[in-house]
Amino acid sequence: MSRVAVVLSGCGYLDGSEITEAVATLVALSQHGMHYDCYAPDRPQRHVVDHLSGEGTEESRNILVEAARIARGNVRALDQLNPDEYDAIVFPGGFGAAKNLCTFAEEGVNARMHDDVKAAIMPFVLAKKPVVAICAAPLLLGLAAREAGYSKAQITVGYGGNPLSDAIEAWGQFHMPLAVDQACLDRTHAFISTPAYMFDEASPAAIFASVQAAIAALREILG
């Protein structure tokens, strides 16, 4: 049975993991008979957003504690992840990918991965073990590809001409425009990406189809 690490960035699309994408990931992995474990950084979120009003608050919340809401408490600190124990790693989307996993929200094209995220993802990238990234999380593929010295790795966030796709190309990679229910499979680098809620008006069914496409591609690679 394939073993997959799922990295969450909190709970809630405005400041953490997008819940529909995260749950769809766990469901799709389960449907394909893949064992998964959830991880999240054990540190404060960049900020906290009231998801009813859409406004920021003065609260401080821990990414790991918030991710436990999605994982039903079964989640470990990201710095405990041992890449040797897993065949692949998956990053659901949400603005937490740009705020809590890397510094894109503050620094744009000058972004970097946080140290715990870099330590988790780079062993997979360098070993050519599959890395799946959903919605905004393909930013991590672009940053990891640059870190590994890759060029023209194929990555999608759906439509082009947005800050995320522009950054991916500025980092020397190739952005592939795709529809919401399609996944980009770069076999050379073992990268899989899919747009999901980069299409804001997509239905939950379309989001699930997007995630299913990515996990189906993962299943294809893992055999």
C-alpha atoms as a PDB file:
ATOM      1  CA  MET A   1       0.000   0.000   0.000  1.00  0.00           C
ATOM      2  CA  SER A   2       1.331   3.430  -0.957  1.00  0.00           C
ATOM      3  CA  ARG A   3       1.946   5.828   1.906  1.00  0.00           C
ATOM      4  CA  VAL A   4       1.282   9.539   1.427  1.00  0.00           C
ATOM      5  CA  ALA A   5       2.025  12.542   3.638  1.00  0.00           C
ATOM      6  CA  VAL A   6      -0.618  15.293   3.496  1.00  0.00           C
ATOM      7  CA  VAL A   7       0.557  18.737   4.621  1.00  0.00           C
ATOM      8  CA  LEU A   8      -2.102  21.103   5.934  1.00  0.00           C
ATOM      9  CA  SER A   9      -1.621  24.829   6.542  1.00  0.00           C
ATOM     10  CA  GLY A  10      -4.394  25.486   9.052  1.00  0.00           C
ATOM     11  CA  CYS A  11      -8.169  25.400   8.685  1.00  0.00           C
ATOM     12  CA  GLY A  12     -10.056  27.833   6.457  1.00  0.00           C
ATOM     13  CA  TYR A  13      -9.270  29.093   2.999  1.00  0.00           C
ATOM     14  CA  LEU A  14      -8.471  32.697   3.961  1.00  0.00           C
ATOM     15  CA  ASP A  15      -5.722  31.863   6.447  1.00  0.00           C
ATOM     16  CA  GLY A  16      -5.097  28.114   6.217  1.00  0.00           C
ATOM     17  CA  SER A  17      -6.045  25.035   4.227  1.00  0.00           C
ATOM     18  CA  GLU A  18      -9.120  25.209   2.000  1.00  0.00           C
ATOM     19  CA  ILE A  19     -11.425  22.730   3.723  1.00  0.00           C
ATOM     20  CA  THR A  20     -13.184  21.309   0.643  1.00  0.00           C
ATOM     21  CA  GLU A  21      -9.839  20.702  -1.065  1.00  0.00           C
ATOM     22  CA  ALA A  22      -8.321  19.137   2.039  1.00  0.00           C
ATOM     23  CA  VAL A  23     -11.259  16.807   2.673  1.00  0.00           C
ATOM     24  CA  ALA A  24     -11.467  15.931  -1.025  1.00  0.00           C
ATOM     25  CA  THR A  25      -7.786  14.985  -0.868  1.00  0.00           C
ATOM     26  CA  LEU A  26      -8.332  12.617   2.046  1.00  0.00           C
ATOM     27  CA  VAL A  27     -11.410  11.079   0.402  1.00  0.00           C
ATOM     28  CA  ALA A  28      -9.647  10.600  -2.946  1.00  0.00           C
ATOM     29  CA  LEU A  29      -6.595   9.028  -1.329  1.00  0.00           C
ATOM     30  CA  SER A  30      -8.870   6.682   0.578  1.00  0.00           C
ATOM     31  CA  GLN A  31     -10.790   5.794  -2.584  1.00  0.00           C
ATOM     32  CA  HIS A  32      -7.530   4.832  -4.269  1.00  0.00           C
ATOM     33  CA  GLY A  33      -6.484   2.664  -1.336  1.00  0.00           C
ATOM     34  CA  MET A  34      -3.565   4.853  -0.286  1.00  0.00           C
ATOM     35  CA  HIS A  35      -2.619   5.241   3.360  1.00  0.00           C
ATOM     36  CA  TYR A  36      -2.156   8.847   4.445  1.00  0.00           C
ATOM     37  CA  ASP A  37      -0.881  10.734   7.473  1.00  0.00           C
ATOM     38  CA  CYS A  38      -1.522  14.428   8.049  1.00  0.00           C
ATOM     39  CA  TYR A  39       1.113  16.950   9.072  1.00  0.00           C
ATOM     40  CA  ALA A  40       1.147  20.703   9.704  1.00  0.00           C
ATOM     41  CA  PRO A  41       3.676  23.273  10.906  1.00  0.00           C
ATOM     42  CA  ASP A  42       3.683  23.701  14.673  1.00  0.00           C
ATOM     43  CA  ARG A  43       3.911  27.492  14.808  1.00  0.00           C
ATOM     44  CA  PRO A  44       1.579  30.511  14.717  1.00  0.00           C
ATOM     45  CA  GLN A  45      -0.375  31.373  11.589  1.00  0.00           C
ATOM     46  CA  ARG A  46       0.741  34.484   9.742  1.00  0.00           C
ATOM     47  CA  HIS A  47      -2.582  36.029  10.758  1.00  0.00           C
ATOM     48  CA  VAL A  48      -6.165  35.001  11.522  1.00  0.00           C
ATOM     49  CA  VAL A  49      -9.213  35.866   9.434  1.00  0.00           C
ATOM     50  CA  ASP A  50     -12.856  35.876  10.538  1.00  0.00           C
ATOM     51  CA  HIS A  51     -14.357  33.772   7.758  1.00  0.00           C
ATOM     52  CA  LEU A  52     -17.831  35.252   8.284  1.00  0.00           C
ATOM     53  CA  SER A  53     -16.795  38.870   7.790  1.00  0.00           C
ATOM     54  CA  GLY A  54     -13.644  38.243   5.764  1.00  0.00           C
ATOM     55  CA  GLU A  55     -11.777  40.638   8.037  1.00  0.00           C
ATOM     56  CA  GLY A  56      -8.554  40.025   9.909  1.00  0.00           C
ATOM     57  CA  THR A  57      -8.629  39.693  13.687  1.00  0.00           C
ATOM     58  CA  GLU A  58      -6.156  40.211  16.527  1.00  0.00           C
ATOM     59  CA  GLU A  59      -6.271  36.527  17.469  1.00  0.00           C
ATOM     60  CA  SER A  60      -3.249  34.255  17.367  1.00  0.00           C
ATOM     61  CA  ARG A  61      -3.776  30.641  16.314  1.00  0.00           C
ATOM     62  CA  ASN A  62      -1.430  27.708  15.884  1.00  0.00           C
ATOM     63  CA  ILE A  63      -1.314  26.085  12.436  1.00  0.00           C
ATOM     64  CA  LEU A  64      -1.065  22.545  13.809  1.00  0.00           C
ATOM     65  CA  VAL A  65      -3.938  23.042  16.263  1.00  0.00           C
ATOM     66  CA  GLU A  66      -6.151  24.464  13.513  1.00  0.00           C
ATOM     67  CA  ALA A  67      -5.235  21.670  11.079  1.00  0.00           C
ATOM     68  CA  ALA A  68      -6.381  19.160  13.685  1.00  0.00           C
ATOM     69  CA  ARG A  69      -9.950  20.311  12.966  1.00  0.00           C
ATOM     70  CA  ILE A  70      -9.691  18.840   9.466  1.00  0.00           C
ATOM     71  CA  ALA A  71      -7.672  15.776  10.430  1.00  0.00           C
ATOM     72  CA  ARG A  72     -10.003  14.869  13.329  1.00  0.00           C
ATOM     73  CA  GLY A  73      -7.054  15.338  15.667  1.00  0.00           C
ATOM     74  CA  ASN A  74      -4.855  12.850  13.846  1.00  0.00           C
ATOM     75  CA  VAL A  75      -2.105  15.213  12.747  1.00  0.00           C
ATOM     76  CA  ARG A  76       1.594  15.529  13.567  1.00  0.00           C
ATOM     77  CA  ALA A  77       4.019  18.435  13.601  1.00  0.00           C
ATOM     78  CA  LEU A  78       5.634  18.891  10.195  1.00  0.00           C
ATOM     79  CA  ASP A  79       9.146  18.686  11.616  1.00  0.00           C
ATOM     80  CA  GLN A  80       8.363  15.068  12.580  1.00  0.00           C
ATOM     81  CA  LEU A  81       7.816  14.033   8.954  1.00  0.00           C
ATOM     82  CA  ASN A  82      10.330  11.427   7.782  1.00  0.00           C
ATOM     83  CA  PRO A  83      10.339  11.493   3.940  1.00  0.00           C
ATOM     84  CA  ASP A  84      11.819   7.985   3.848  1.00  0.00           C
ATOM     85  CA  GLU A  85       8.531   6.637   5.220  1.00  0.00           C
ATOM     86  CA  TYR A  86       6.403   8.000   2.361  1.00  0.00           C
ATOM     87  CA  ASP A  87       5.998   7.462  -1.363  1.00  0.00           C
ATOM     88  CA  ALA A  88       4.533  10.913  -2.052  1.00  0.00           C
ATOM     89  CA  ILE A  89       3.586  14.205  -0.431  1.00  0.00           C
ATOM     90  CA  VAL A  90       0.412  16.250  -1.044  1.00  0.00           C
ATOM     91  CA  PHE A  91      -0.310  19.925  -0.342  1.00  0.00           C
ATOM     92  CA  PRO A  92      -3.980  21.001  -0.423  1.00  0.00           C
ATOM     93  CA  GLY A  93      -4.546  24.659  -1.252  1.00  0.00           C
ATOM     94  CA  GLY A  94      -6.018  27.669   0.469  1.00  0.00           C
ATOM     95  CA  PHE A  95      -4.286  30.978   1.186  1.00  0.00           C
ATOM     96  CA  GLY A  96      -2.409  29.205   3.956  1.00  0.00           C
ATOM     97  CA  ALA A  97      -0.116  27.848   1.254  1.00  0.00           C
ATOM     98  CA  ALA A  98       0.960  31.407   0.449  1.00  0.00           C
ATOM     99  CA  LYS A  99       0.855  32.658   4.052  1.00  0.00           C
ATOM    100  CA  ASN A 100       1.929  29.797   6.316  1.00  0.00           C
ATOM    101  CA  LEU A 101       3.955  27.463   4.093  1.00  0.00           C
ATOM    102  CA  CYS A 102       5.905  30.128   2.217  1.00  0.00           C
ATOM    103  CA  THR A 103       6.267  33.905   2.274  1.00  0.00           C
ATOM    104  CA  PHE A 104       4.546  34.629  -1.032  1.00  0.00           C
ATOM    105  CA  ALA A 105       1.775  36.661   0.621  1.00  0.00           C
ATOM    106  CA  GLU A 106       4.353  39.174   1.885  1.00  0.00           C
ATOM    107  CA  GLU A 107       7.171  38.916  -0.632  1.00  0.00           C
ATOM    108  CA  GLY A 108       5.671  37.873  -3.965  1.00  0.00           C
ATOM    109  CA  VAL A 109       8.312  36.686  -6.430  1.00  0.00           C
ATOM    110  CA  ASN A 110      10.951  37.088  -3.709  1.00  0.00           C
ATOM    111  CA  ALA A 111       9.196  34.438  -1.624  1.00  0.00           C
ATOM    112  CA  ARG A 112      10.914  31.566   0.136  1.00  0.00           C
ATOM    113  CA  MET A 113       9.636  28.396   1.739  1.00  0.00           C
ATOM    114  CA  HIS A 114       9.558  28.267   5.513  1.00  0.00           C
ATOM    115  CA  ASP A 115      12.331  26.074   6.865  1.00  0.00           C
ATOM    116  CA  ASP A 116      10.070  23.255   8.079  1.00  0.00           C
ATOM    117  CA  VAL A 117       8.292  23.150   4.710  1.00  0.00           C
ATOM    118  CA  LYS A 118      11.566  23.167   2.788  1.00  0.00           C
ATOM    119  CA  ALA A 119      12.885  20.318   4.928  1.00  0.00           C
ATOM    120  CA  ALA A 120       9.728  18.317   4.225  1.00  0.00           C
ATOM    121  CA  ILE A 121       9.371  18.852   0.474  1.00  0.00           C
ATOM    122  CA  MET A 122      12.935  18.897  -0.853  1.00  0.00           C
ATOM    123  CA  PRO A 123      13.765  15.224  -0.143  1.00  0.00           C
ATOM    124  CA  PHE A 124      10.757  14.239  -2.262  1.00  0.00           C
ATOM    125  CA  VAL A 125      11.724  16.632  -5.046  1.00  0.00           C
ATOM    126  CA  LEU A 126      15.361  15.539  -5.160  1.00  0.00           C
ATOM    127  CA  ALA A 127      14.421  11.843  -5.029  1.00  0.00           C
ATOM    128  CA  LYS A 128      11.813  12.361  -7.794  1.00  0.00           C
ATOM    129  CA  LYS A 129       9.074  11.059  -5.518  1.00  0.00           C
ATOM    130  CA  PRO A 130       5.679  12.551  -6.445  1.00  0.00           C
ATOM    131  CA  VAL A 131       4.681  15.938  -5.073  1.00  0.00           C
ATOM    132  CA  VAL A 132       1.024  16.918  -5.480  1.00  0.00           C
ATOM    133  CA  ALA A 133      -0.027  20.559  -5.085  1.00  0.00           C
ATOM    134  CA  ILE A 134      -3.570  21.927  -5.281  1.00  0.00           C
ATOM    135  CA  CYS A 135      -4.951  25.444  -5.905  1.00  0.00           C
ATOM    136  CA  ALA A 136      -2.405  27.957  -4.504  1.00  0.00           C
ATOM    137  CA  ALA A 137      -0.013  25.254  -3.282  1.00  0.00           C
ATOM    138  CA  PRO A 138       1.709  24.874  -6.689  1.00  0.00           C
ATOM    139  CA  LEU A 139       3.671  27.929  -5.540  1.00  0.00           C
ATOM    140  CA  LEU A 140       5.640  25.389  -3.497  1.00  0.00           C
ATOM    141  CA  LEU A 141       6.391  23.382  -6.642  1.00  0.00           C
ATOM    142  CA  GLY A 142       7.796  26.500  -8.282  1.00  0.00           C
ATOM    143  CA  LEU A 143       9.927  27.358  -5.271  1.00  0.00           C
ATOM    144  CA  ALA A 144      11.122  23.766  -4.830  1.00  0.00           C
ATOM    145  CA  ALA A 145      11.948  23.449  -8.536  1.00  0.00           C
ATOM    146  CA  ARG A 146      14.029  26.613  -8.354  1.00  0.00           C
ATOM    147  CA  GLU A 147      15.747  25.322  -5.218  1.00  0.00           C
ATOM    148  CA  ALA A 148      16.581  22.060  -7.002  1.00  0.00           C
ATOM    149  CA  GLY A 149      17.944  23.892 -10.036  1.00  0.00           C
ATOM    150  CA  TYR A 150      15.171  22.710 -12.344  1.00  0.00           C
ATOM    151  CA  SER A 151      13.892  24.745 -15.261  1.00  0.00           C
ATOM    152  CA  LYS A 152      10.672  24.486 -17.235  1.00  0.00           C
ATOM    153  CA  ALA A 153       8.988  22.148 -14.776  1.00  0.00           C
ATOM    154  CA  GLN A 154       5.323  21.989 -15.795  1.00  0.00           C
ATOM    155  CA  ILE A 155       2.998  23.449 -13.153  1.00  0.00           C
ATOM    156  CA  THR A 156      -0.563  24.754 -13.206  1.00  0.00           C
ATOM    157  CA  VAL A 157      -2.723  27.046 -11.113  1.00  0.00           C
ATOM    158  CA  GLY A 158      -5.416  26.920 -13.800  1.00  0.00           C
ATOM    159  CA  TYR A 159      -5.593  30.127 -15.760  1.00  0.00           C
ATOM    160  CA  GLY A 160      -2.512  32.198 -16.538  1.00  0.00           C
ATOM    161  CA  GLY A 161      -1.824  35.880 -16.134  1.00  0.00           C
ATOM    162  CA  ASN A 162      -2.265  35.986 -12.359  1.00  0.00           C
ATOM    163  CA  PRO A 163       0.311  36.658  -9.609  1.00  0.00           C
ATOM    164  CA  LEU A 164       0.811  32.946  -8.908  1.00  0.00           C
ATOM    165  CA  SER A 165       1.336  31.869 -12.517  1.00  0.00           C
ATOM    166  CA  ASP A 166       3.547  34.904 -13.127  1.00  0.00           C
ATOM    167  CA  ALA A 167       5.712  33.994 -10.127  1.00  0.00           C
ATOM    168  CA  ILE A 168       6.029  30.364 -11.232  1.00  0.00           C
ATOM    169  CA  GLU A 169       7.309  31.549 -14.605  1.00  0.00           C
ATOM    170  CA  ALA A 170       9.587  34.155 -12.985  1.00  0.00           C
ATOM    171  CA  TRP A 171      11.160  31.264 -11.072  1.00  0.00           C
ATOM    172  CA  GLY A 172      12.082  29.635 -14.381  1.00  0.00           C
ATOM    173  CA  GLN A 173       9.246  27.112 -14.637  1.00  0.00           C
ATOM    174  CA  PHE A 174       6.474  26.629 -17.201  1.00  0.00           C
ATOM    175  CA  HIS A 175       2.894  27.479 -16.287  1.00  0.00           C
ATOM    176  CA  MET A 176       0.366  25.305 -18.085  1.00  0.00           C
ATOM    177  CA  PRO A 177      -3.183  26.744 -18.330  1.00  0.00           C
ATOM    178  CA  LEU A 178      -5.771  24.074 -17.555  1.00  0.00           C
ATOM    179  CA  ALA A 179      -9.476  23.770 -16.767  1.00  0.00           C
ATOM    180  CA  VAL A 180     -10.662  23.299 -13.201  1.00  0.00           C
ATOM    181  CA  ASP A 181     -11.140  19.539 -13.519  1.00  0.00           C
ATOM    182  CA  GLN A 182      -7.757  18.821 -15.082  1.00  0.00           C
ATOM    183  CA  ALA A 183      -4.425  17.966 -13.519  1.00  0.00           C
ATOM    184  CA  CYS A 184      -0.966  18.805 -14.826  1.00  0.00           C
ATOM    185  CA  LEU A 185       1.355  15.794 -14.656  1.00  0.00           C
ATOM    186  CA  ASP A 186       5.054  16.503 -15.119  1.00  0.00           C
ATOM    187  CA  ARG A 187       6.539  13.015 -15.276  1.00  0.00           C
ATOM    188  CA  THR A 188      10.116  14.272 -15.550  1.00  0.00           C
ATOM    189  CA  HIS A 189       9.988  15.974 -12.159  1.00  0.00           C
ATOM    190  CA  ALA A 190       7.144  13.891 -10.628  1.00  0.00           C
ATOM    191  CA  PHE A 191       5.077  17.052 -10.085  1.00  0.00           C
ATOM    192  CA  ILE A 192       1.268  16.995 -10.107  1.00  0.00           C
ATOM    193  CA  SER A 193      -0.799  20.158  -9.825  1.00  0.00           C
ATOM    194  CA  THR A 194      -4.454  21.088 -10.260  1.00  0.00           C
ATOM    195  CA  PRO A 195      -6.378  24.402 -10.060  1.00  0.00           C
ATOM    196  CA  ALA A 196      -9.366  23.637  -7.793  1.00  0.00           C
ATOM    197  CA  TYR A 197     -10.547  26.883  -6.142  1.00  0.00           C
ATOM    198  CA  MET A 198      -8.248  29.053  -8.222  1.00  0.00           C
ATOM    199  CA  PHE A 199     -11.521  29.099 -10.140  1.00  0.00           C
ATOM    200  CA  ASP A 200     -13.541  30.978  -7.505  1.00  0.00           C
ATOM    201  CA  GLU A 201     -16.948  30.156  -8.940  1.00  0.00           C
ATOM    202  CA  ALA A 202     -16.344  26.416  -9.231  1.00  0.00           C
ATOM    203  CA  SER A 203     -18.867  24.141  -7.529  1.00  0.00           C
ATOM    204  CA  PRO A 204     -17.847  21.727  -4.769  1.00  0.00           C
ATOM    205  CA  ALA A 205     -18.379  18.932  -7.300  1.00  0.00           C
ATOM    206  CA  ALA A 206     -15.901  20.588  -9.679  1.00  0.00           C
ATOM    207  CA  ILE A 207     -13.402  20.985  -6.838  1.00  0.00           C
ATOM    208  CA  PHE A 208     -13.713  17.315  -6.003  1.00  0.00           C
ATOM    209  CA  ALA A 209     -13.209  16.453  -9.686  1.00  0.00           C
ATOM    210  CA  SER A 210     -10.071  18.617  -9.690  1.00  0.00           C
ATOM    211  CA  VAL A 211      -8.618  16.850  -6.669  1.00  0.00           C
ATOM    212  CA  GLN A 212      -9.656  13.447  -8.000  1.00  0.00           C
ATOM    213  CA  ALA A 213      -7.773  14.171 -11.235  1.00  0.00           C
ATOM    214  CA  ALA A 214      -4.628  14.947  -9.259  1.00  0.00           C
ATOM    215  CA  ILE A 215      -4.871  11.866  -7.050  1.00  0.00           C
ATOM    216  CA  ALA A 216      -5.651   9.677 -10.070  1.00  0.00           C
ATOM    217  CA  ALA A 217      -2.430  10.970 -11.653  1.00  0.00           C
ATOM    218  CA  LEU A 218      -0.607  10.169  -8.417  1.00  0.00           C
ATOM    219  CA  ARG A 219      -2.012   6.639  -8.477  1.00  0.00           C
ATOM    220  CA  GLU A 220      -0.809   6.301 -12.075  1.00  0.00           C
ATOM    221  CA  ILE A 221       2.733   7.288 -11.132  1.00  0.00           C
ATOM    222  CA  LEU A 222       2.876   5.083  -8.056  1.00  0.00           C
ATOM    223  CA  GLY A 223       1.388   2.116  -9.909  1.00  0.00           C
END
